[in-house]
Every structure is written in structure tokens, then in C-alpha cells.
Amino acid sequence: MSATAKTSADPAAAGERRGTRPGRKGQKGIKGNTLWFWVFVGPFVLGLLIFSYLPILWSLVLSFFEAYNTATPSKFVGLRNYADMLTDHNFLSSLGTFTIFAVFIVPLTFVLSLVLALLVNQVKIARAFFRSVFFLPTACSYVVASLIWRLSIFNGVRFGLANTVLGWFGIDNIAWLSTVSPPWYWLPLVTVRLWLQLGFYMILFIAGLQRISPTLYEAAYVDGAKPGWQVFRYITLPQLRATSVAVLILNLIAAYQAFDEFYNLIGNVNYARPPLVYLYGISLGSIQDLGHGSAGALILAVIIMIVTLLQSRILGFGKAGD
């Protein structure tokens, strides 16, 4: 065989004669993909760094200083801001308000979103329509929904929807947002949050239901299981374990972050003030004490992390088989 024939038969040798190397095109492709990855992802990473991580780090710095009416630290006080917040009756009371809110909102959201998911998943006609109808409120602003609840439904006068319905049964008007005994203000607070978030958790449960293999139900029916509660208890609910734990964790974190509905429905009042509303009043109110506000925010963040980790540990989130 001649040298020319050998060269034409060997791609590597031909590449050397042309001044190229095998695999260079693939390397250029990898570099190009990396470049386009950062073109699309870079702005989001930069925004996350500027508007999330840097403020968190600066809050950590401010929590060790006095910072009145300014975001610039002035006097180093060490852990005094943390000690003040942990002994502040109003801050501790705000944590109690959250606890009451979580007791209402977490179980109700879990049960109602699961029921909606089961019902919608059984629908044979216009299933996408019903999913959209229940999911649509999640696109609504918390501020807008809170104002609708306050001005149209629970406004406390006889023209409000809730009092109009009560008037049909001869019941006097109720000042929903200002009555402390009994605490009627919990009804608008809880219902507006339910209306806004049920659709999101319903979608999560629907995704979990669609992952369950139909053969499990067929095997259960062959073994004599009755459709309904028995199948739900022994087949559906165990298969939704991972989804259920995720819903509980996300719901609890969202309850800790409650702000818009409280602030826009009843404002910064002592009888129903979650931690974020109280910290907002400290940091951006008349005092503008960013040192104590930053310390309280970090205490709240640590509480959220601890509670989330404990809940994950107790419920076994992330175990093999989930």
C-alpha cells in the first residue's frame, strides 16, 4: 500500500497534514455551550448575588452594630442586639402569632389541597380546565387579594359580602378585622391564604398521584381491597409520602414568611402581628433600627432552618425509596 493511500485511510494522519487534531470540533462545541450557559444563567446568578446574598451578608454585619436611620454600622455592640430581641416581649409575641397561624393554615392547606388533587385527578372531562381554575389564584398578588378580602368581603360593614350573608339569617354585622374577643380576624387571614396557595399544593399532589403505578391498584383490587377509603389509606397515601412531606415543609416555611396578608388586612397591630411585620416596623418604621431588625431577621432565619431540619428528620424526608 502506498504512503498516499495510508494517509487517506487514516483520519488522524490526514488531520495532521491539514494542521488540525481530532476532537477539536468537540472541544469548541463544549466551550460554546459553556459560553451560552453563562449568557442565559449569568444575569440570574448576578441578580441573586446582588439582591439576595449580599443583603443577607450585610444584615449579618449590621446585627453586631448600632445602626439607627442608616444602613452604615456605627458602633460595635456584639451580641447585644440578639439578646435584646430574644428578651423582647413583642418579638416573642409575634412568634406566638405565627404559631397560631401555622396551626390553622398548615393542616387546612394539606388536607384541602390533597382533597382537591384527588377530585381533579378523577375527572375525565375538562381536567385541564379544572386544574387551571384552581391554580389560577396562585398568580394573584397577595396584596391585591388582601385588599379584596378587606374591602369587599370582610370590611365589617353591612355592605360587605360576609355581613350581607349573615344579615340574611338575622345576625348583626361583625367587625371582622378588629374584633379581638372572639378573634374573628383569623377567618379573613386564613381564608385569603388558603385561596391563594391551595392551587399550588394541589398541583404538587397531582404530580405525586400520577407517579403511582396503576398496577398497585389492580393488585389491591385482586386482593379484595375496596375502592375508597381502604385503597386511599393503604395504597395512595403511602405512595404520596415524599410529596406530603415536601408540602408540609414548604407550607411551614411559607407560614413563617407571612407578611402581605397581615400587613394589608389588619396592619401593624399587637394582637395579630407575625415576625416579619414586627421586624418591618422596627427597621423601616419611625425608629429605623436596622441593627435590632437585622438581628431579629437572622434569628427568624435560624428558627426556620432548625424547624425545617427537625421536620425533615422526623418525617424522614430524603430517605432511600422516596
Protein backbone atom coordinates (compact mmCIF):
# COMPACT_ATOMS: atom_id res chain seq x y z
CA MET A 1 0.00 0.00 0.00
CA SER A 2 1.38 3.43 -0.93
CA ALA A 3 2.01 6.30 1.54
CA THR A 4 -0.75 8.35 -0.10
CA ALA A 5 -3.26 5.55 0.37
CA LYS A 6 -2.26 5.13 4.01
CA THR A 7 -2.70 8.83 4.64
CA SER A 8 -6.14 8.94 3.05
CA ALA A 9 -7.21 5.87 5.02
CA ASP A 10 -6.03 7.27 8.36
CA PRO A 11 -8.17 10.26 9.53
CA ALA A 12 -5.65 11.17 12.21
CA ALA A 13 -2.82 11.37 9.69
CA ALA A 14 -4.99 13.40 7.34
CA GLY A 15 -5.83 15.76 10.17
CA GLU A 16 -2.16 16.26 10.98
CA ARG A 17 -1.43 17.18 7.32
CA ARG A 18 -4.24 19.79 7.43
CA GLY A 19 -2.96 21.25 10.73
CA THR A 20 -5.89 20.02 12.82
CA ARG A 21 -6.33 17.49 15.60
CA PRO A 22 -9.16 15.02 16.18
CA GLY A 23 -11.67 16.21 18.78
CA ARG A 24 -11.02 19.94 18.32
CA LYS A 25 -14.53 20.49 16.95
CA GLY A 26 -15.99 18.78 20.03
CA GLN A 27 -13.89 20.95 22.32
CA LYS A 28 -15.11 24.08 20.55
CA GLY A 29 -18.66 22.83 20.97
CA ILE A 30 -18.17 22.39 24.71
CA LYS A 31 -16.72 25.89 25.03
CA GLY A 32 -19.59 27.31 23.02
CA ASN A 33 -22.16 25.55 25.20
CA THR A 34 -20.45 26.88 28.33
CA LEU A 35 -20.49 30.40 26.92
CA TRP A 36 -24.21 30.26 26.13
CA PHE A 37 -24.90 28.72 29.55
CA TRP A 38 -23.40 31.78 31.27
CA VAL A 39 -25.12 34.13 28.82
CA PHE A 40 -28.51 32.83 29.95
CA VAL A 41 -27.77 31.94 33.57
CA GLY A 42 -25.31 34.72 34.37
CA PRO A 43 -27.87 37.55 34.78
CA PHE A 44 -29.93 35.45 37.20
CA VAL A 45 -26.85 34.49 39.22
CA LEU A 46 -25.75 38.13 39.30
CA GLY A 47 -29.19 39.27 40.41
CA LEU A 48 -29.32 36.60 43.09
CA LEU A 49 -25.90 37.66 44.34
CA ILE A 50 -26.69 41.39 44.39
CA PHE A 51 -30.27 41.31 45.66
CA SER A 52 -30.18 38.24 47.95
CA TYR A 53 -26.78 37.09 49.16
CA LEU A 54 -25.12 40.48 49.62
CA PRO A 55 -28.08 41.88 51.63
CA ILE A 56 -28.02 38.78 53.84
CA LEU A 57 -24.29 39.23 54.49
CA TRP A 58 -24.77 42.93 55.18
CA SER A 59 -27.62 42.14 57.59
CA LEU A 60 -25.25 39.81 59.41
CA VAL A 61 -22.77 42.68 59.73
CA LEU A 62 -25.43 45.17 60.87
CA SER A 63 -26.71 42.77 63.53
CA PHE A 64 -23.49 43.33 65.51
CA PHE A 65 -23.65 47.14 65.33
CA GLU A 66 -25.86 50.06 66.19
CA ALA A 67 -27.48 51.33 63.01
CA TYR A 68 -30.19 53.95 63.53
CA ASN A 69 -31.64 55.68 60.47
CA THR A 70 -28.80 54.36 58.33
CA ALA A 71 -27.57 51.17 56.72
CA THR A 72 -24.00 52.02 57.76
CA PRO A 73 -22.80 50.44 61.03
CA SER A 74 -21.73 52.96 63.65
CA LYS A 75 -20.93 51.34 66.99
CA PHE A 76 -20.00 47.70 67.60
CA VAL A 77 -22.26 46.12 70.24
CA GLY A 78 -21.50 42.42 69.78
CA LEU A 79 -24.40 40.13 70.66
CA ARG A 80 -26.42 42.78 72.46
CA ASN A 81 -28.91 43.15 69.60
CA TYR A 82 -29.57 39.40 69.67
CA ALA A 83 -30.02 39.42 73.45
CA ASP A 84 -32.44 42.34 73.18
CA MET A 85 -34.54 40.61 70.55
CA LEU A 86 -34.65 37.31 72.43
CA THR A 87 -35.97 39.15 75.52
CA ASP A 88 -38.29 41.47 73.59
CA HIS A 89 -41.86 40.68 74.58
CA ASN A 90 -43.26 42.00 71.29
CA PHE A 91 -40.91 39.85 69.20
CA LEU A 92 -41.71 36.74 71.22
CA SER A 93 -45.40 37.57 70.93
CA SER A 94 -45.02 37.78 67.14
CA LEU A 95 -43.56 34.27 67.15
CA GLY A 96 -46.64 33.16 69.10
CA THR A 97 -48.85 34.76 66.46
CA PHE A 98 -47.06 32.76 63.81
CA THR A 99 -47.56 29.56 65.81
CA ILE A 100 -51.32 30.12 65.92
CA PHE A 101 -51.37 30.94 62.22
CA ALA A 102 -49.37 27.80 61.39
CA VAL A 103 -51.73 25.64 63.48
CA PHE A 104 -54.59 26.84 61.30
CA ILE A 105 -53.00 27.11 57.88
CA VAL A 106 -50.70 24.07 57.64
CA PRO A 107 -53.25 21.27 58.34
CA LEU A 108 -56.02 23.00 56.39
CA THR A 109 -53.82 23.56 53.35
CA PHE A 110 -52.56 19.99 53.43
CA VAL A 111 -56.00 18.38 53.69
CA LEU A 112 -57.84 20.67 51.28
CA SER A 113 -55.13 20.60 48.60
CA LEU A 114 -54.99 16.79 48.81
CA VAL A 115 -58.78 16.54 48.51
CA LEU A 116 -58.76 18.89 45.51
CA ALA A 117 -55.99 16.87 43.87
CA LEU A 118 -57.91 13.61 44.34
CA LEU A 119 -61.09 15.11 42.92
CA VAL A 120 -59.45 16.80 39.94
CA ASN A 121 -57.38 13.69 39.18
CA GLN A 122 -60.58 11.63 38.95
CA VAL A 123 -62.23 13.99 36.48
CA LYS A 124 -62.41 12.51 32.99
CA ILE A 125 -63.77 15.55 31.14
CA ALA A 126 -62.19 19.04 31.11
CA ARG A 127 -59.48 18.02 33.55
CA ALA A 128 -57.14 20.77 32.32
CA PHE A 129 -59.90 23.34 32.83
CA PHE A 130 -60.41 22.42 36.48
CA ARG A 131 -56.67 22.39 37.11
CA SER A 132 -56.40 25.87 35.67
CA VAL A 133 -59.37 27.17 37.67
CA PHE A 134 -57.94 26.05 40.99
CA PHE A 135 -54.36 27.01 40.10
CA LEU A 136 -55.21 30.48 38.78
CA PRO A 137 -55.36 32.21 42.23
CA THR A 138 -51.66 31.44 42.77
CA ALA A 139 -50.90 34.02 40.07
CA CYS A 140 -52.75 36.71 42.01
CA SER A 141 -50.80 39.19 44.10
CA TYR A 142 -51.06 38.74 47.87
CA VAL A 143 -51.54 42.49 48.21
CA VAL A 144 -54.41 42.60 45.71
CA ALA A 145 -56.12 39.57 47.25
CA SER A 146 -55.75 41.05 50.75
CA LEU A 147 -57.35 44.32 49.64
CA ILE A 148 -60.25 42.44 48.04
CA TRP A 149 -60.79 40.49 51.26
CA ARG A 150 -60.61 43.69 53.30
CA LEU A 151 -62.75 46.00 51.17
CA SER A 152 -65.28 43.63 49.63
CA ILE A 153 -65.70 40.51 51.75
CA PHE A 154 -64.71 41.20 55.37
CA ASN A 155 -64.92 45.01 55.55
CA GLY A 156 -67.03 44.99 58.73
CA VAL A 157 -69.99 46.99 57.42
CA ARG A 158 -73.36 45.76 56.23
CA PHE A 159 -72.36 46.09 52.57
CA GLY A 160 -69.56 43.53 52.93
CA LEU A 161 -70.21 40.11 51.45
CA ALA A 162 -69.73 38.22 54.73
CA ASN A 163 -72.02 40.53 56.71
CA THR A 164 -74.58 40.53 53.90
CA VAL A 165 -74.83 36.74 54.10
CA LEU A 166 -75.09 36.90 57.89
CA GLY A 167 -77.85 39.52 57.56
CA TRP A 168 -79.98 37.03 55.63
CA PHE A 169 -80.09 34.96 58.83
CA GLY A 170 -80.74 37.93 61.10
CA ILE A 171 -77.18 38.10 62.51
CA ASP A 172 -75.71 41.52 63.31
CA ASN A 173 -72.69 42.90 61.50
CA ILE A 174 -69.26 41.73 62.69
CA ALA A 175 -66.13 43.86 62.64
CA TRP A 176 -64.04 41.01 61.27
CA LEU A 177 -60.64 42.69 61.29
CA SER A 178 -60.82 44.46 64.64
CA THR A 179 -62.75 42.09 66.90
CA VAL A 180 -60.32 40.51 69.35
CA SER A 181 -62.78 38.58 71.52
CA PRO A 182 -63.69 36.33 69.82
CA PRO A 183 -60.75 36.63 67.41
CA TRP A 184 -62.71 36.87 64.17
CA TYR A 185 -59.69 38.35 62.38
CA TRP A 186 -58.29 34.84 61.93
CA LEU A 187 -61.08 33.99 59.47
CA PRO A 188 -60.07 36.52 56.76
CA LEU A 189 -56.36 35.90 57.41
CA VAL A 190 -56.65 32.14 56.97
CA THR A 191 -59.15 32.14 54.10
CA VAL A 192 -57.16 34.54 51.93
CA ARG A 193 -54.01 32.44 52.37
CA LEU A 194 -55.96 29.26 51.56
CA TRP A 195 -57.44 30.79 48.42
CA LEU A 196 -54.01 31.93 47.23
CA GLN A 197 -51.98 28.76 47.82
CA LEU A 198 -54.29 25.75 47.56
CA GLY A 199 -53.84 25.51 43.79
CA PHE A 200 -50.06 25.32 44.02
CA TYR A 201 -50.04 22.44 46.51
CA MET A 202 -52.85 20.75 44.59
CA ILE A 203 -50.57 20.61 41.54
CA LEU A 204 -47.83 19.03 43.66
CA PHE A 205 -50.21 16.33 44.86
CA ILE A 206 -51.50 15.72 41.33
CA ALA A 207 -47.92 15.18 40.18
CA GLY A 208 -47.47 12.69 43.02
CA LEU A 209 -50.70 10.87 42.15
CA GLN A 210 -49.64 10.48 38.53
CA ARG A 211 -46.43 8.79 39.65
CA ILE A 212 -48.34 5.97 41.35
CA SER A 213 -48.36 2.86 39.16
CA PRO A 214 -51.86 1.64 38.21
CA THR A 215 -50.68 -1.93 38.80
CA LEU A 216 -50.68 -1.25 42.56
CA TYR A 217 -54.41 -0.51 42.46
CA GLU A 218 -55.05 -3.52 40.25
CA ALA A 219 -53.19 -5.76 42.67
CA ALA A 220 -55.13 -4.27 45.59
CA TYR A 221 -58.47 -4.95 43.90
CA VAL A 222 -57.42 -8.51 43.13
CA ASP A 223 -56.59 -8.99 46.83
CA GLY A 224 -60.07 -7.80 47.76
CA ALA A 225 -59.42 -4.16 48.69
CA LYS A 226 -62.50 -1.97 48.46
CA PRO A 227 -62.37 1.25 46.43
CA GLY A 228 -62.47 4.38 48.54
CA TRP A 229 -61.02 4.85 51.99
CA GLN A 230 -59.32 1.45 52.19
CA VAL A 231 -57.40 1.93 48.92
CA PHE A 232 -56.58 5.53 49.82
CA ARG A 233 -55.23 4.58 53.24
CA TYR A 234 -53.09 1.61 52.23
CA ILE A 235 -52.10 2.50 48.64
CA THR A 236 -52.47 6.18 47.77
CA LEU A 237 -51.37 7.87 50.99
CA PRO A 238 -48.20 5.78 51.50
CA GLN A 239 -47.20 6.39 47.89
CA LEU A 240 -47.62 10.15 48.44
CA ARG A 241 -45.26 10.18 51.41
CA ALA A 242 -42.46 12.16 49.77
CA THR A 243 -44.90 14.66 48.26
CA SER A 244 -46.73 15.03 51.57
CA VAL A 245 -43.53 15.81 53.47
CA ALA A 246 -42.47 18.34 50.83
CA VAL A 247 -45.87 20.04 51.03
CA LEU A 248 -45.68 20.25 54.83
CA ILE A 249 -42.16 21.70 54.77
CA LEU A 250 -42.92 24.28 52.07
CA ASN A 251 -46.16 25.22 53.78
CA LEU A 252 -44.50 25.73 57.15
CA ILE A 253 -41.75 27.89 55.64
CA ALA A 254 -44.36 29.97 53.81
CA ALA A 255 -46.27 30.43 57.06
CA TYR A 256 -43.12 31.77 58.74
CA GLN A 257 -42.80 34.29 55.91
CA ALA A 258 -46.37 35.58 56.22
CA PHE A 259 -46.41 39.34 55.75
CA ASP A 260 -48.63 40.71 52.97
CA GLU A 261 -51.99 39.45 54.21
CA PHE A 262 -51.34 40.52 57.80
CA TYR A 263 -49.98 43.95 56.91
CA ASN A 264 -52.66 44.77 54.32
CA LEU A 265 -55.61 43.32 56.24
CA ILE A 266 -55.03 44.47 59.82
CA GLY A 267 -51.75 46.39 59.76
CA ASN A 268 -49.08 46.50 62.45
CA VAL A 269 -51.25 45.71 65.48
CA ASN A 270 -50.25 43.97 68.69
CA TYR A 271 -52.92 41.27 68.75
CA ALA A 272 -52.02 39.73 65.36
CA ARG A 273 -48.52 40.59 64.23
CA PRO A 274 -46.23 37.94 62.71
CA PRO A 275 -42.43 38.29 62.97
CA LEU A 276 -41.89 39.89 59.57
CA VAL A 277 -44.46 42.62 60.23
CA TYR A 278 -42.86 43.42 63.59
CA LEU A 279 -39.35 43.47 62.10
CA TYR A 280 -40.61 45.67 59.26
CA GLY A 281 -41.89 48.16 61.83
CA ILE A 282 -38.55 48.17 63.65
CA SER A 283 -36.37 48.50 60.56
CA LEU A 284 -38.44 50.80 58.36
CA GLY A 285 -40.83 52.42 60.82
CA SER A 286 -40.33 55.59 62.82
CA ILE A 287 -37.34 54.15 64.75
CA GLN A 288 -35.49 52.66 61.75
CA ASP A 289 -33.33 50.48 63.96
CA LEU A 290 -31.58 48.31 61.39
CA GLY A 291 -29.29 46.74 63.98
CA HIS A 292 -32.07 45.13 66.00
CA GLY A 293 -34.08 44.49 62.84
CA SER A 294 -31.19 42.58 61.25
CA ALA A 295 -30.64 40.56 64.42
CA GLY A 296 -34.32 39.63 64.57
CA ALA A 297 -34.35 38.64 60.89
CA LEU A 298 -31.36 36.35 61.38
CA ILE A 299 -32.92 34.82 64.49
CA LEU A 300 -36.05 34.11 62.44
CA ALA A 301 -33.94 32.59 59.63
CA VAL A 302 -32.19 30.30 62.11
CA ILE A 303 -35.55 29.25 63.58
CA ILE A 304 -36.87 28.42 60.10
CA MET A 305 -33.77 26.34 59.31
CA ILE A 306 -33.92 24.44 62.61
CA VAL A 307 -37.65 23.73 62.35
CA THR A 308 -37.27 22.64 58.72
CA LEU A 309 -34.38 20.30 59.52
CA LEU A 310 -36.25 18.81 62.51
CA GLN A 311 -39.38 18.34 60.46
CA SER A 312 -37.40 16.69 57.67
CA ARG A 313 -35.67 14.43 60.18
CA ILE A 314 -38.86 13.44 61.98
CA LEU A 315 -40.82 12.82 58.78
CA GLY A 316 -37.90 11.11 57.10
CA PHE A 317 -37.67 13.37 54.07
CA GLY A 318 -34.96 12.30 51.63
CA LYS A 319 -34.69 8.68 52.76
CA ALA A 320 -33.94 5.98 50.23
CA GLY A 321 -37.06 4.98 48.38
CA ASP A 322 -38.61 8.44 48.36
